[in-house]
Amino acid sequence: MSSSDPECPQFLFVKVLASRGRLEAVTQQMGYHPQYLDSFLKTQHYLMHMDGPLPFDCRHYIAIMAAARHQCRYLVNLHVLQFLRAGGDPQWLRGLEFIPPKLRNLNEINKILAHRPWLITKEHIEKLLKISEWSWSLAELVHAVVLLAHCHALASFVFGCGCEQDEGLGGRGSLKPLSLGNQCFCEATAGNSYSQELLRINRKRSLDSCMELDSLRERMQRIHVETEGREEMRLLQQDREEGLSPLADTDGVVTGATNLACYMQDPDFGYQDFARRDEDQTQVFRVQDYSWEDHGFSLVNRLYSDIGHLLDEKFRMVDGLQSSAMAKRQGCEPSVFKRGIWNYIHCMFGIRYDDYDYAEVNQLLERMLKVYIKTVTCYPEKTNSEMFDRFWKQFKHSEKVHVNLLILEARMQAELLYALQAITQYMIS
């Protein structure tokens, strides 16, 4: 791939260096899949820096609130810097008690979307839209909801790929962040180029390979149609019975920032399994009744121009990512494996696809991979740097990043579906 190709990682890295003065760990990790990285960067730039309903400083403060729900110091630090650069009031950084009531009122849906999105209702939407001088417009609220979902899901990616673990913003095994204050952009791309050195390191990583997936191929060959009905509910109940709980650090201490409590309320509110044996049957979210393609896309695009197209491109991009090596080892179409991961994540949030046999999930995903996916999706702050390297070693580094991209997009779409459905119900009531 030519270095001048817009989809070349080097080209994208240089663009990021030129605009930000540093190459964050998230960009480095996503660089293994440059087509996706290009779509991600366009979407994030539009959300944060282009014309939209919300002021620029408020956008970054909302991102801080969202990242704080998962104690994601990496994202909080990034957006604190950008908040100040956008002219934000430094007093706001003292905590929620020092921000305007309008922003503070967003805390409730931030909390719900981050941990139990199925609890959001049209009453939550109505409360935000009808609070006298502190009321939100529909366009502002949609912008805020997209920002919240984006940052919650990105926190999963940050923890899942180990970006949170290293000091600064460089992330796992990366070079020190480049500062525009001591090196100009021309120097960064010449001679002993930062980007060339980064590419050399990433090429070395991409050559790392592990054991073959013979056992996975055998499991996939054994897939067959099993009992129809509520397989996805039994799947979640089985997770509970087998103790598929989040993995903590080896010393038992949850990884995460300890000084972010000022940016959130009700810190003990967290994820709970959607399917609980001691409760009545919970109302599932049926995709045939409300889907991104048929409902969410048009609503979000109407209230926040063009963001629907950018999000849709990103969803399609991650679905279209291919790994010939992974497909060859699995002995099947990569789409089967990817759909199993996607539907398992949506299943944990109570979203059901009637045309999918959920018995496939246990056939496709070994137990430790399911533990990893559930932890990164539902309790990302409880991951640690060893998890990325220790589990499913049969995958290449780029394939692990691919799985984390699936987690990011599946989680974001799940949160958006619940929020947009609640907004739709409010609009038609």
Protein backbone atom coordinates (compact mmCIF):
# COMPACT_ATOMS: atom_id res chain seq x y z
CA MET A 1 0.00 0.00 0.00
CA SER A 2 1.48 3.31 -1.05
CA SER A 3 2.37 5.76 1.73
CA SER A 4 0.34 8.39 -0.14
CA ASP A 5 -2.77 6.21 -0.17
CA PRO A 6 -5.43 7.81 2.08
CA GLU A 7 -6.10 4.38 3.58
CA CYS A 8 -2.43 3.70 4.40
CA PRO A 9 -1.75 3.69 8.18
CA GLN A 10 1.26 5.95 7.69
CA PHE A 11 -0.84 8.53 5.85
CA LEU A 12 -3.48 8.47 8.59
CA PHE A 13 -0.86 8.65 11.35
CA VAL A 14 0.75 11.70 9.74
CA LYS A 15 -2.66 13.40 9.54
CA VAL A 16 -3.21 12.77 13.25
CA LEU A 17 0.27 14.02 14.09
CA ALA A 18 -0.35 17.18 12.09
CA SER A 19 -3.65 17.96 13.80
CA ARG A 20 -2.96 16.83 17.38
CA GLY A 21 0.82 16.87 17.82
CA ARG A 22 0.79 13.33 19.21
CA LEU A 23 -0.16 9.83 18.16
CA GLU A 24 -2.43 8.36 20.84
CA ALA A 25 -2.47 4.67 21.64
CA VAL A 26 -6.03 4.29 20.33
CA THR A 27 -4.94 5.52 16.89
CA GLN A 28 -1.94 3.18 16.92
CA GLN A 29 -4.06 0.14 17.76
CA MET A 30 -6.77 0.97 15.20
CA GLY A 31 -4.00 1.44 12.64
CA TYR A 32 -3.95 -2.32 12.18
CA HIS A 33 -7.22 -1.78 10.29
CA PRO A 34 -6.66 1.48 8.36
CA GLN A 35 -10.01 1.50 6.56
CA TYR A 36 -11.80 1.40 9.89
CA LEU A 37 -9.41 3.96 11.41
CA ASP A 38 -10.20 6.39 8.60
CA SER A 39 -13.95 6.03 9.24
CA PHE A 40 -13.47 6.32 13.02
CA LEU A 41 -11.37 9.48 12.75
CA LYS A 42 -13.92 11.13 10.44
CA THR A 43 -16.77 10.34 12.81
CA GLN A 44 -14.94 11.48 15.93
CA HIS A 45 -13.76 14.69 14.24
CA TYR A 46 -17.33 15.46 13.17
CA LEU A 47 -18.68 14.79 16.68
CA MET A 48 -16.10 16.90 18.46
CA HIS A 49 -14.95 19.62 16.07
CA MET A 50 -17.48 20.28 13.31
CA ASP A 51 -20.66 22.34 13.35
CA GLY A 52 -23.34 20.80 15.53
CA PRO A 53 -26.04 21.56 18.11
CA LEU A 54 -23.71 21.57 21.14
CA PRO A 55 -20.94 24.09 22.01
CA PHE A 56 -17.42 22.66 21.70
CA ASP A 57 -16.56 22.90 25.38
CA CYS A 58 -19.78 21.10 26.33
CA ARG A 59 -18.98 18.27 23.93
CA HIS A 60 -15.69 17.57 25.65
CA TYR A 61 -17.23 17.85 29.12
CA ILE A 62 -19.89 15.31 28.14
CA ALA A 63 -17.06 13.05 26.98
CA ILE A 64 -15.40 13.48 30.38
CA MET A 65 -18.65 12.52 32.14
CA ALA A 66 -19.04 9.45 29.93
CA ALA A 67 -15.44 8.25 30.37
CA ALA A 68 -15.62 8.77 34.13
CA ARG A 69 -18.44 6.22 34.43
CA HIS A 70 -15.82 3.57 33.56
CA GLN A 71 -12.96 5.28 35.40
CA CYS A 72 -11.19 5.73 32.07
CA ARG A 73 -8.40 8.12 32.98
CA TYR A 74 -6.97 7.91 29.46
CA LEU A 75 -10.07 9.44 27.84
CA VAL A 76 -10.72 11.84 30.70
CA ASN A 77 -7.21 13.27 30.38
CA LEU A 78 -7.57 13.64 26.62
CA HIS A 79 -10.84 15.52 26.87
CA VAL A 80 -9.78 17.68 29.81
CA LEU A 81 -7.01 19.05 27.58
CA GLN A 82 -9.38 19.56 24.65
CA PHE A 83 -12.02 21.09 26.94
CA LEU A 84 -9.53 23.75 28.04
CA ARG A 85 -8.32 24.33 24.49
CA ALA A 86 -11.95 24.89 23.45
CA GLY A 87 -12.22 27.70 26.00
CA GLY A 88 -13.94 25.69 28.72
CA ASP A 89 -14.27 27.11 32.23
CA PRO A 90 -11.55 25.51 34.43
CA GLN A 91 -13.96 25.63 37.37
CA TRP A 92 -16.05 22.95 35.68
CA LEU A 93 -13.16 20.53 36.13
CA ARG A 94 -13.76 20.64 39.87
CA GLY A 95 -16.78 18.40 39.36
CA LEU A 96 -20.48 18.20 38.59
CA GLU A 97 -21.37 20.65 41.34
CA PHE A 98 -19.62 23.40 39.39
CA ILE A 99 -21.26 22.93 35.98
CA PRO A 100 -24.54 24.39 34.67
CA PRO A 101 -27.67 22.47 35.73
CA LYS A 102 -28.42 21.70 32.09
CA LEU A 103 -25.27 19.61 31.78
CA ARG A 104 -25.67 18.12 35.25
CA ASN A 105 -29.16 16.92 34.36
CA LEU A 106 -27.55 14.67 31.72
CA ASN A 107 -26.03 12.57 34.49
CA GLU A 108 -28.99 10.20 34.82
CA ILE A 109 -29.06 9.00 31.21
CA ASN A 110 -25.26 8.91 31.19
CA LYS A 111 -25.39 6.49 34.10
CA ILE A 112 -28.14 4.35 32.59
CA LEU A 113 -26.68 4.16 29.08
CA ALA A 114 -23.25 3.26 30.44
CA HIS A 115 -24.42 0.32 32.54
CA ARG A 116 -28.06 -0.73 31.92
CA PRO A 117 -29.32 0.93 28.73
CA TRP A 118 -32.51 -1.15 28.70
CA LEU A 119 -33.79 0.96 31.63
CA ILE A 120 -33.99 4.20 29.66
CA THR A 121 -37.56 5.35 28.98
CA LYS A 122 -39.38 8.18 27.28
CA GLU A 123 -39.85 9.71 30.75
CA HIS A 124 -36.09 10.25 30.98
CA ILE A 125 -36.22 12.02 27.63
CA GLU A 126 -39.25 14.10 28.61
CA LYS A 127 -37.54 15.23 31.82
CA LEU A 128 -34.57 16.61 29.88
CA LEU A 129 -36.71 18.31 27.25
CA LYS A 130 -39.07 19.99 29.73
CA ILE A 131 -36.98 21.66 32.42
CA SER A 132 -37.75 25.36 31.84
CA GLU A 133 -34.62 27.40 31.21
CA TRP A 134 -32.36 24.33 31.48
CA SER A 135 -34.23 22.31 28.86
CA TRP A 136 -32.51 20.51 26.02
CA SER A 137 -33.60 20.67 22.40
CA LEU A 138 -34.11 17.38 20.55
CA ALA A 139 -31.09 18.09 18.35
CA GLU A 140 -28.89 18.85 21.36
CA LEU A 141 -30.04 15.70 23.12
CA VAL A 142 -29.34 13.49 20.11
CA HIS A 143 -25.85 15.00 19.84
CA ALA A 144 -25.29 14.33 23.54
CA VAL A 145 -26.58 10.76 23.32
CA VAL A 146 -24.26 9.97 20.41
CA LEU A 147 -21.33 11.46 22.35
CA LEU A 148 -22.17 9.40 25.45
CA ALA A 149 -22.49 6.14 23.50
CA HIS A 150 -19.31 6.90 21.56
CA CYS A 151 -17.25 7.49 24.70
CA HIS A 152 -18.70 4.58 26.69
CA ALA A 153 -17.86 2.21 23.83
CA LEU A 154 -14.46 3.79 23.26
CA ALA A 155 -13.66 3.22 26.95
CA SER A 156 -14.24 -0.48 26.33
CA PHE A 157 -11.74 -0.37 23.46
CA VAL A 158 -9.21 1.58 25.55
CA PHE A 159 -9.27 -0.96 28.37
CA GLY A 160 -9.61 -3.95 26.06
CA CYS A 161 -6.44 -3.06 24.13
CA GLY A 162 -4.48 -1.96 27.19
CA CYS A 163 -4.26 1.72 26.23
CA GLU A 164 -5.18 2.74 29.78
CA GLN A 165 -2.29 0.95 31.44
CA ASP A 166 0.75 2.97 30.44
CA GLU A 167 1.72 6.40 31.71
CA GLY A 168 0.77 9.32 29.52
CA LEU A 169 -1.24 8.84 26.34
CA GLY A 170 1.12 6.60 24.43
CA GLY A 171 -0.47 3.33 25.49
CA ARG A 172 0.92 -0.19 25.24
CA GLY A 173 4.53 -0.30 24.11
CA SER A 174 4.27 2.94 22.19
CA LEU A 175 6.75 5.73 21.68
CA LYS A 176 6.57 8.82 23.88
CA PRO A 177 3.91 11.32 22.77
CA LEU A 178 5.22 13.90 20.35
CA SER A 179 4.85 17.53 21.37
CA LEU A 180 4.54 20.34 18.89
CA GLY A 181 6.36 22.47 21.42
CA ASN A 182 9.71 20.74 20.91
CA GLN A 183 9.49 19.25 17.44
CA CYS A 184 7.91 20.62 14.31
CA PHE A 185 5.75 18.59 11.98
CA CYS A 186 8.42 18.59 9.26
CA GLU A 187 10.93 17.05 11.67
CA ALA A 188 8.40 14.45 12.70
CA THR A 189 8.04 13.13 9.17
CA ALA A 190 11.67 13.32 8.07
CA GLY A 191 14.85 11.29 8.58
CA ASN A 192 14.43 9.45 11.88
CA SER A 193 10.66 9.80 11.43
CA TYR A 194 8.40 9.17 14.38
CA SER A 195 5.82 7.64 12.09
CA GLN A 196 8.41 5.44 10.33
CA GLU A 197 9.64 4.14 13.68
CA LEU A 198 6.07 3.51 14.77
CA LEU A 199 5.36 1.60 11.57
CA ARG A 200 8.51 -0.47 12.08
CA ILE A 201 7.30 -1.43 15.57
CA ASN A 202 3.80 -2.21 14.33
CA ARG A 203 5.13 -4.32 11.44
CA LYS A 204 7.16 -6.32 13.97
CA ARG A 205 4.06 -6.82 16.12
CA SER A 206 1.97 -7.86 13.14
CA LEU A 207 4.45 -10.67 12.39
CA ASP A 208 3.82 -12.26 15.78
CA SER A 209 1.76 -15.41 15.33
CA CYS A 210 0.46 -18.02 17.70
CA MET A 211 -0.96 -21.51 17.74
CA GLU A 212 -3.50 -22.59 15.17
CA LEU A 213 -7.23 -22.54 15.95
CA ASP A 214 -7.79 -26.24 15.38
CA SER A 215 -10.12 -26.55 18.33
CA LEU A 216 -12.16 -23.54 17.16
CA ARG A 217 -12.44 -24.98 13.65
CA GLU A 218 -13.70 -28.27 15.08
CA ARG A 219 -16.28 -26.47 17.18
CA MET A 220 -17.49 -24.51 14.19
CA GLN A 221 -17.84 -27.67 12.15
CA ARG A 222 -20.05 -29.11 14.88
CA ILE A 223 -22.51 -26.20 14.74
CA HIS A 224 -26.05 -27.45 14.19
CA VAL A 225 -29.54 -26.17 14.70
CA GLU A 226 -30.58 -26.76 18.29
CA THR A 227 -33.72 -26.10 20.22
CA GLU A 228 -35.52 -22.99 19.06
CA GLY A 229 -36.99 -20.45 21.46
CA ARG A 230 -35.32 -18.45 24.17
CA GLU A 231 -31.75 -19.65 23.63
CA GLU A 232 -30.35 -16.20 24.31
CA MET A 233 -31.94 -16.12 27.77
CA ARG A 234 -30.52 -19.54 28.60
CA LEU A 235 -27.17 -18.32 27.34
CA LEU A 236 -27.14 -15.44 29.82
CA GLN A 237 -28.36 -17.67 32.65
CA GLN A 238 -25.57 -20.10 31.83
CA ASP A 239 -23.07 -17.26 32.04
CA ARG A 240 -24.31 -16.54 35.56
CA GLU A 241 -24.20 -20.19 36.60
CA GLU A 242 -20.70 -20.68 35.21
CA GLY A 243 -19.46 -17.58 36.96
CA LEU A 244 -18.63 -15.51 33.91
CA SER A 245 -17.81 -12.56 36.11
CA PRO A 246 -15.46 -9.71 35.31
CA LEU A 247 -11.76 -10.35 35.71
CA ALA A 248 -9.96 -8.12 38.19
CA ASP A 249 -6.27 -7.37 38.53
CA THR A 250 -4.11 -10.09 39.97
CA ASP A 251 -3.93 -8.28 43.30
CA GLY A 252 -7.71 -7.97 43.46
CA VAL A 253 -7.76 -4.22 42.99
CA VAL A 254 -9.90 -2.84 40.20
CA THR A 255 -7.81 -1.03 37.61
CA GLY A 256 -8.89 2.55 37.06
CA ALA A 257 -8.56 6.12 38.14
CA THR A 258 -9.21 6.98 41.77
CA ASN A 259 -9.82 10.69 41.35
CA LEU A 260 -12.73 10.77 38.92
CA ALA A 261 -15.57 10.59 41.44
CA CYS A 262 -16.24 14.32 41.06
CA TYR A 263 -17.46 13.71 37.48
CA MET A 264 -20.22 11.25 38.38
CA GLN A 265 -23.01 10.57 40.80
CA ASP A 266 -24.14 7.19 42.16
CA PRO A 267 -20.76 5.51 41.51
CA ASP A 268 -22.04 2.15 42.79
CA PHE A 269 -24.54 1.91 39.92
CA GLY A 270 -23.14 -0.67 37.50
CA TYR A 271 -23.99 -3.41 35.05
CA GLN A 272 -26.35 -6.20 36.11
CA ASP A 273 -27.17 -9.24 34.04
CA PHE A 274 -30.15 -8.56 31.81
CA ALA A 275 -31.58 -12.05 32.37
CA ARG A 276 -32.07 -12.91 36.02
CA ARG A 277 -33.56 -16.20 37.14
CA ASP A 278 -35.21 -14.65 40.19
CA GLU A 279 -37.19 -12.13 38.15
CA ASP A 280 -40.08 -12.34 35.76
CA GLN A 281 -39.29 -12.51 32.09
CA THR A 282 -37.70 -9.21 31.15
CA GLN A 283 -38.95 -7.40 28.09
CA VAL A 284 -36.40 -7.99 25.37
CA PHE A 285 -35.58 -5.49 22.65
CA ARG A 286 -36.60 -7.04 19.33
CA VAL A 287 -34.61 -5.79 16.38
CA GLN A 288 -37.45 -6.45 13.97
CA ASP A 289 -39.49 -3.86 15.93
CA TYR A 290 -36.81 -1.18 16.10
CA SER A 291 -33.52 -1.41 14.21
CA TRP A 292 -30.68 0.91 13.34
CA GLU A 293 -31.21 0.48 9.60
CA ASP A 294 -34.97 1.07 9.57
CA HIS A 295 -35.46 3.49 12.45
CA GLY A 296 -32.40 4.77 14.30
CA PHE A 297 -30.46 5.91 11.22
CA SER A 298 -33.19 8.18 9.86
CA LEU A 299 -34.00 9.70 13.27
CA VAL A 300 -30.43 10.58 14.21
CA ASN A 301 -29.65 11.88 10.74
CA ARG A 302 -32.73 14.10 10.76
CA LEU A 303 -31.95 15.69 14.13
CA TYR A 304 -28.16 15.86 13.76
CA SER A 305 -27.32 16.26 10.09
CA ASP A 306 -24.93 13.74 8.49
CA ILE A 307 -23.95 11.95 11.70
CA GLY A 308 -26.22 9.06 10.72
CA HIS A 309 -24.24 8.52 7.52
CA LEU A 310 -20.94 8.58 9.40
CA LEU A 311 -22.14 6.15 12.06
CA ASP A 312 -23.65 3.85 9.47
CA GLU A 313 -20.38 3.81 7.52
CA LYS A 314 -18.51 2.91 10.71
CA PHE A 315 -20.91 0.08 11.57
CA ARG A 316 -20.63 -1.29 8.04
CA MET A 317 -16.86 -0.87 8.01
CA VAL A 318 -16.27 -3.01 11.10
CA ASP A 319 -18.68 -5.62 9.75
CA GLY A 320 -16.77 -5.70 6.48
CA LEU A 321 -13.29 -6.08 7.95
CA GLN A 322 -11.71 -9.28 6.74
CA SER A 323 -8.88 -11.40 8.05
CA SER A 324 -7.85 -14.06 5.56
CA ALA A 325 -5.55 -15.68 8.11
CA MET A 326 -8.30 -15.92 10.70
CA ALA A 327 -10.78 -17.24 8.14
CA LYS A 328 -8.30 -19.86 6.94
CA ARG A 329 -7.60 -21.11 10.46
CA GLN A 330 -11.27 -21.18 11.41
CA GLY A 331 -12.23 -23.10 8.31
CA CYS A 332 -15.33 -20.99 7.74
CA GLU A 333 -16.52 -17.55 6.71
CA PRO A 334 -15.33 -14.83 9.09
CA SER A 335 -18.86 -13.39 9.05
CA VAL A 336 -20.11 -16.36 11.10
CA PHE A 337 -17.58 -15.74 13.87
CA LYS A 338 -18.10 -11.97 13.81
CA ARG A 339 -21.87 -12.29 13.99
CA GLY A 340 -21.53 -14.59 16.99
CA ILE A 341 -19.52 -11.95 18.85
CA TRP A 342 -21.87 -9.12 17.80
CA ASN A 343 -25.04 -10.97 18.79
CA TYR A 344 -23.50 -12.15 22.09
CA ILE A 345 -22.77 -8.53 23.03
CA HIS A 346 -26.27 -7.40 22.07
CA CYS A 347 -27.67 -10.38 23.97
CA MET A 348 -26.00 -9.13 27.17
CA PHE A 349 -27.93 -5.86 26.68
CA GLY A 350 -31.24 -7.61 26.05
CA ILE A 351 -31.33 -7.17 22.26
CA ARG A 352 -32.69 -10.15 20.37
CA TYR A 353 -32.45 -11.20 16.71
CA ASP A 354 -35.27 -13.63 15.95
CA ASP A 355 -33.44 -15.04 12.94
CA TYR A 356 -30.36 -16.07 14.95
CA ASP A 357 -29.77 -19.38 16.72
CA TYR A 358 -28.13 -18.38 20.00
CA ALA A 359 -26.90 -21.92 20.55
CA GLU A 360 -24.16 -21.01 18.07
CA VAL A 361 -22.56 -18.65 20.58
CA ASN A 362 -21.43 -21.45 22.89
CA GLN A 363 -20.21 -23.42 19.88
CA LEU A 364 -18.20 -20.52 18.46
CA LEU A 365 -16.84 -18.78 21.55
CA GLU A 366 -14.79 -20.67 24.08
CA ARG A 367 -15.40 -19.84 27.72
CA MET A 368 -12.35 -17.64 28.31
CA LEU A 369 -13.07 -15.61 25.19
CA LYS A 370 -16.63 -15.07 26.45
CA VAL A 371 -15.24 -13.93 29.81
CA TYR A 372 -12.98 -11.46 28.03
CA ILE A 373 -15.78 -10.10 25.82
CA LYS A 374 -18.20 -9.74 28.73
CA THR A 375 -15.62 -8.00 30.92
CA VAL A 376 -14.54 -5.52 28.25
CA THR A 377 -18.15 -4.84 27.26
CA CYS A 378 -19.82 -4.58 30.65
CA TYR A 379 -17.03 -3.89 33.16
CA PRO A 380 -14.13 -2.45 31.11
CA GLU A 381 -12.58 -0.78 34.17
CA LYS A 382 -12.00 -4.26 35.64
CA THR A 383 -9.63 -5.36 32.90
CA ASN A 384 -5.87 -5.26 33.21
CA SER A 385 -2.94 -5.14 30.84
CA GLU A 386 -2.25 -8.88 31.04
CA MET A 387 -5.71 -9.86 29.79
CA PHE A 388 -4.99 -8.70 26.24
CA ASP A 389 -1.89 -10.90 25.99
CA ARG A 390 -2.86 -13.80 28.22
CA PHE A 391 -6.15 -14.93 26.72
CA TRP A 392 -6.93 -16.36 23.25
CA LYS A 393 -3.24 -16.40 22.37
CA GLN A 394 -4.11 -18.19 19.15
CA PHE A 395 -5.06 -14.80 17.69
CA LYS A 396 -2.60 -12.39 16.15
CA HIS A 397 -2.38 -8.91 17.65
CA SER A 398 -4.30 -7.42 14.72
CA GLU A 399 -7.07 -9.98 15.21
CA LYS A 400 -7.37 -9.10 18.90
CA VAL A 401 -7.77 -5.47 17.87
CA HIS A 402 -10.41 -6.60 15.36
CA VAL A 403 -12.40 -8.29 18.14
CA ASN A 404 -12.15 -5.15 20.27
CA LEU A 405 -13.45 -3.08 17.36
CA LEU A 406 -16.46 -5.41 17.17
CA ILE A 407 -17.02 -4.87 20.90
CA LEU A 408 -16.77 -1.09 20.46
CA GLU A 409 -19.29 -0.88 17.62
CA ALA A 410 -21.73 -3.48 18.95
CA ARG A 411 -21.86 -1.76 22.32
CA MET A 412 -22.27 1.70 20.79
CA GLN A 413 -25.10 0.54 18.55
CA ALA A 414 -26.85 -1.15 21.50
CA GLU A 415 -26.81 2.06 23.55
CA LEU A 416 -27.99 4.11 20.57
CA LEU A 417 -30.88 1.74 19.86
CA TYR A 418 -32.27 2.08 23.38
CA ALA A 419 -31.80 5.87 23.52
CA LEU A 420 -33.22 6.52 20.06
CA GLN A 421 -36.19 4.24 20.69
CA ALA A 422 -36.98 6.23 23.87
CA ILE A 423 -36.72 9.49 21.90
CA THR A 424 -39.03 8.06 19.24
CA GLN A 425 -41.58 7.02 21.85
CA TYR A 426 -41.46 10.52 23.34
CA MET A 427 -41.98 12.14 19.94
CA ILE A 428 -45.06 10.05 19.09
CA SER A 429 -46.63 10.23 22.55
